[in-house]
Amino acid sequence: MRHDLVPQWLVQVMAQDAEVNVVAAAIEVLAEVGAPEHVGALRSAARRFAGDPFIGFAAQVAEQRIQAG
């Protein structure tokens, strides 16, 4: 059973949490439950952690999965 607020919580984590591993986990879950309106948050997380290539990669993969439906 999935809670309706999970995507919003993940977006908040990606925007506020300072721990790169927590943000990476949020991106991973958002790839599964996110919608096109969450792509901006993924891009913001990638910019926020621009020095971490994994975050950029994970955000890109998540965006592709969301866009593919």
N, C-alpha and C. Protein backbone atom coordinates (compact mmCIF):
# COMPACT_ATOMS: atom_id res chain seq x y z
N MET A 1 0.84 -1.17 0.00
CA MET A 1 0.00 0.00 0.00
C MET A 1 0.89 1.24 0.00
N ARG A 2 0.60 2.17 -0.86
CA ARG A 2 1.41 3.38 -1.00
C ARG A 2 0.64 4.58 -0.49
N HIS A 3 1.33 5.41 0.28
CA HIS A 3 0.73 6.63 0.80
C HIS A 3 0.79 7.71 -0.28
N ASP A 4 -0.28 8.47 -0.43
CA ASP A 4 -0.37 9.48 -1.48
C ASP A 4 0.65 10.60 -1.34
N LEU A 5 1.15 10.83 -0.14
CA LEU A 5 2.09 11.94 0.08
C LEU A 5 3.56 11.55 -0.12
N VAL A 6 3.83 10.31 -0.44
CA VAL A 6 5.22 9.87 -0.59
C VAL A 6 5.99 10.74 -1.58
N PRO A 7 5.47 11.00 -2.79
CA PRO A 7 6.24 11.85 -3.71
C PRO A 7 6.56 13.22 -3.13
N GLN A 8 5.61 13.83 -2.43
CA GLN A 8 5.86 15.14 -1.82
C GLN A 8 6.95 15.05 -0.76
N TRP A 9 6.91 14.01 0.04
CA TRP A 9 7.93 13.82 1.07
C TRP A 9 9.31 13.65 0.44
N LEU A 10 9.37 12.89 -0.64
CA LEU A 10 10.65 12.66 -1.32
C LEU A 10 11.20 13.96 -1.91
N VAL A 11 10.33 14.75 -2.49
CA VAL A 11 10.75 16.05 -3.04
C VAL A 11 11.31 16.93 -1.93
N GLN A 12 10.66 16.92 -0.79
CA GLN A 12 11.15 17.70 0.35
C GLN A 12 12.51 17.20 0.82
N VAL A 13 12.68 15.90 0.89
CA VAL A 13 13.98 15.33 1.28
C VAL A 13 15.05 15.75 0.30
N MET A 14 14.76 15.66 -0.98
CA MET A 14 15.76 16.02 -2.00
C MET A 14 16.14 17.49 -1.92
N ALA A 15 15.21 18.32 -1.53
CA ALA A 15 15.47 19.77 -1.46
C ALA A 15 16.18 20.19 -0.18
N GLN A 16 16.00 19.41 0.91
CA GLN A 16 16.48 19.91 2.21
C GLN A 16 17.57 19.08 2.87
N ASP A 17 17.62 17.79 2.61
CA ASP A 17 18.57 16.95 3.33
C ASP A 17 19.99 17.20 2.82
N ALA A 18 20.92 17.30 3.73
CA ALA A 18 22.31 17.58 3.38
C ALA A 18 23.11 16.31 3.08
N GLU A 19 22.57 15.16 3.44
CA GLU A 19 23.29 13.90 3.27
C GLU A 19 23.05 13.34 1.86
N VAL A 20 24.12 13.22 1.11
CA VAL A 20 24.02 12.78 -0.28
C VAL A 20 23.40 11.40 -0.40
N ASN A 21 23.68 10.51 0.53
CA ASN A 21 23.12 9.16 0.45
C ASN A 21 21.61 9.16 0.68
N VAL A 22 21.13 10.04 1.52
CA VAL A 22 19.68 10.16 1.76
C VAL A 22 19.00 10.68 0.49
N VAL A 23 19.60 11.67 -0.13
CA VAL A 23 19.05 12.22 -1.37
C VAL A 23 19.07 11.16 -2.47
N ALA A 24 20.14 10.39 -2.55
CA ALA A 24 20.21 9.31 -3.55
C ALA A 24 19.09 8.30 -3.34
N ALA A 25 18.81 7.96 -2.10
CA ALA A 25 17.73 7.02 -1.80
C ALA A 25 16.37 7.62 -2.19
N ALA A 26 16.19 8.90 -1.93
CA ALA A 26 14.94 9.56 -2.30
C ALA A 26 14.76 9.57 -3.82
N ILE A 27 15.83 9.81 -4.54
CA ILE A 27 15.77 9.79 -6.01
C ILE A 27 15.38 8.40 -6.49
N GLU A 28 15.97 7.39 -5.90
CA GLU A 28 15.67 6.02 -6.30
C GLU A 28 14.19 5.68 -6.13
N VAL A 29 13.63 6.09 -5.01
CA VAL A 29 12.21 5.80 -4.77
C VAL A 29 11.34 6.67 -5.68
N LEU A 30 11.72 7.92 -5.89
CA LEU A 30 10.93 8.79 -6.75
C LEU A 30 10.89 8.26 -8.18
N ALA A 31 11.94 7.57 -8.60
CA ALA A 31 11.95 6.96 -9.93
C ALA A 31 10.81 5.96 -10.07
N GLU A 32 10.40 5.37 -8.97
CA GLU A 32 9.33 4.37 -8.97
C GLU A 32 7.95 4.99 -8.81
N VAL A 33 7.84 6.06 -8.04
CA VAL A 33 6.51 6.59 -7.70
C VAL A 33 6.27 8.01 -8.22
N GLY A 34 7.25 8.58 -8.88
CA GLY A 34 7.14 9.97 -9.31
C GLY A 34 6.29 10.16 -10.55
N ALA A 35 5.95 11.40 -10.80
CA ALA A 35 5.16 11.81 -11.95
C ALA A 35 5.90 12.95 -12.65
N PRO A 36 5.49 13.29 -13.87
CA PRO A 36 6.19 14.35 -14.60
C PRO A 36 6.37 15.65 -13.82
N GLU A 37 5.47 15.97 -12.92
CA GLU A 37 5.62 17.21 -12.15
C GLU A 37 6.78 17.16 -11.16
N HIS A 38 7.40 16.01 -10.97
CA HIS A 38 8.52 15.88 -10.04
C HIS A 38 9.89 15.99 -10.73
N VAL A 39 9.88 16.12 -12.05
CA VAL A 39 11.14 16.21 -12.81
C VAL A 39 11.95 17.43 -12.39
N GLY A 40 11.31 18.54 -12.14
CA GLY A 40 12.02 19.75 -11.71
C GLY A 40 12.77 19.53 -10.41
N ALA A 41 12.17 18.79 -9.49
CA ALA A 41 12.83 18.50 -8.21
C ALA A 41 14.05 17.61 -8.43
N LEU A 42 13.96 16.68 -9.35
CA LEU A 42 15.12 15.84 -9.67
C LEU A 42 16.26 16.67 -10.25
N ARG A 43 15.92 17.56 -11.13
CA ARG A 43 16.94 18.44 -11.74
C ARG A 43 17.56 19.35 -10.68
N SER A 44 16.75 19.85 -9.77
CA SER A 44 17.27 20.69 -8.68
C SER A 44 18.23 19.91 -7.80
N ALA A 45 17.88 18.67 -7.49
CA ALA A 45 18.76 17.84 -6.67
C ALA A 45 20.09 17.60 -7.38
N ALA A 46 20.03 17.37 -8.68
CA ALA A 46 21.26 17.17 -9.45
C ALA A 46 22.13 18.43 -9.42
N ARG A 47 21.51 19.59 -9.52
CA ARG A 47 22.28 20.85 -9.44
C ARG A 47 22.84 21.07 -8.04
N ARG A 48 22.05 20.74 -7.04
CA ARG A 48 22.47 20.93 -5.65
C ARG A 48 23.69 20.08 -5.32
N PHE A 49 23.76 18.90 -5.89
CA PHE A 49 24.88 17.99 -5.65
C PHE A 49 25.70 17.83 -6.94
N ALA A 50 25.95 18.93 -7.60
CA ALA A 50 26.64 18.90 -8.89
C ALA A 50 28.02 18.24 -8.82
N GLY A 51 28.64 18.27 -7.66
CA GLY A 51 29.96 17.66 -7.51
C GLY A 51 29.92 16.16 -7.34
N ASP A 52 28.73 15.58 -7.26
CA ASP A 52 28.59 14.14 -7.08
C ASP A 52 28.02 13.53 -8.36
N PRO A 53 28.85 12.85 -9.14
CA PRO A 53 28.37 12.33 -10.42
C PRO A 53 27.26 11.29 -10.29
N PHE A 54 27.23 10.56 -9.18
CA PHE A 54 26.17 9.56 -9.03
C PHE A 54 24.81 10.21 -8.93
N ILE A 55 24.71 11.32 -8.20
CA ILE A 55 23.43 12.00 -8.05
C ILE A 55 22.92 12.46 -9.42
N GLY A 56 23.81 13.03 -10.22
CA GLY A 56 23.42 13.45 -11.56
C GLY A 56 22.92 12.29 -12.40
N PHE A 57 23.64 11.19 -12.34
CA PHE A 57 23.26 9.99 -13.08
C PHE A 57 21.91 9.46 -12.59
N ALA A 58 21.76 9.33 -11.27
CA ALA A 58 20.53 8.79 -10.70
C ALA A 58 19.33 9.68 -11.04
N ALA A 59 19.51 10.99 -10.97
CA ALA A 59 18.42 11.91 -11.30
C ALA A 59 18.04 11.80 -12.77
N GLN A 60 19.03 11.63 -13.62
CA GLN A 60 18.75 11.48 -15.06
C GLN A 60 17.98 10.19 -15.33
N VAL A 61 18.41 9.10 -14.71
CA VAL A 61 17.71 7.82 -14.89
C VAL A 61 16.28 7.92 -14.35
N ALA A 62 16.12 8.53 -13.19
CA ALA A 62 14.79 8.70 -12.62
C ALA A 62 13.90 9.51 -13.55
N GLU A 63 14.44 10.58 -14.09
CA GLU A 63 13.66 11.41 -15.02
C GLU A 63 13.23 10.59 -16.24
N GLN A 64 14.13 9.81 -16.78
CA GLN A 64 13.79 8.98 -17.94
C GLN A 64 12.71 7.97 -17.62
N ARG A 65 12.79 7.37 -16.45
CA ARG A 65 11.78 6.38 -16.05
C ARG A 65 10.41 7.04 -15.86
N ILE A 66 10.42 8.23 -15.26
CA ILE A 66 9.15 8.94 -15.06
C ILE A 66 8.55 9.35 -16.40
N GLN A 67 9.39 9.87 -17.29
CA GLN A 67 8.89 10.32 -18.60
C GLN A 67 8.38 9.15 -19.43
N ALA A 68 8.97 7.97 -19.23
CA ALA A 68 8.56 6.79 -20.00
C ALA A 68 7.23 6.23 -19.50
N GLY A 69 6.88 6.63 -18.28
CA GLY A 69 5.60 6.18 -17.71
C GLY A 69 5.74 4.84 -17.12
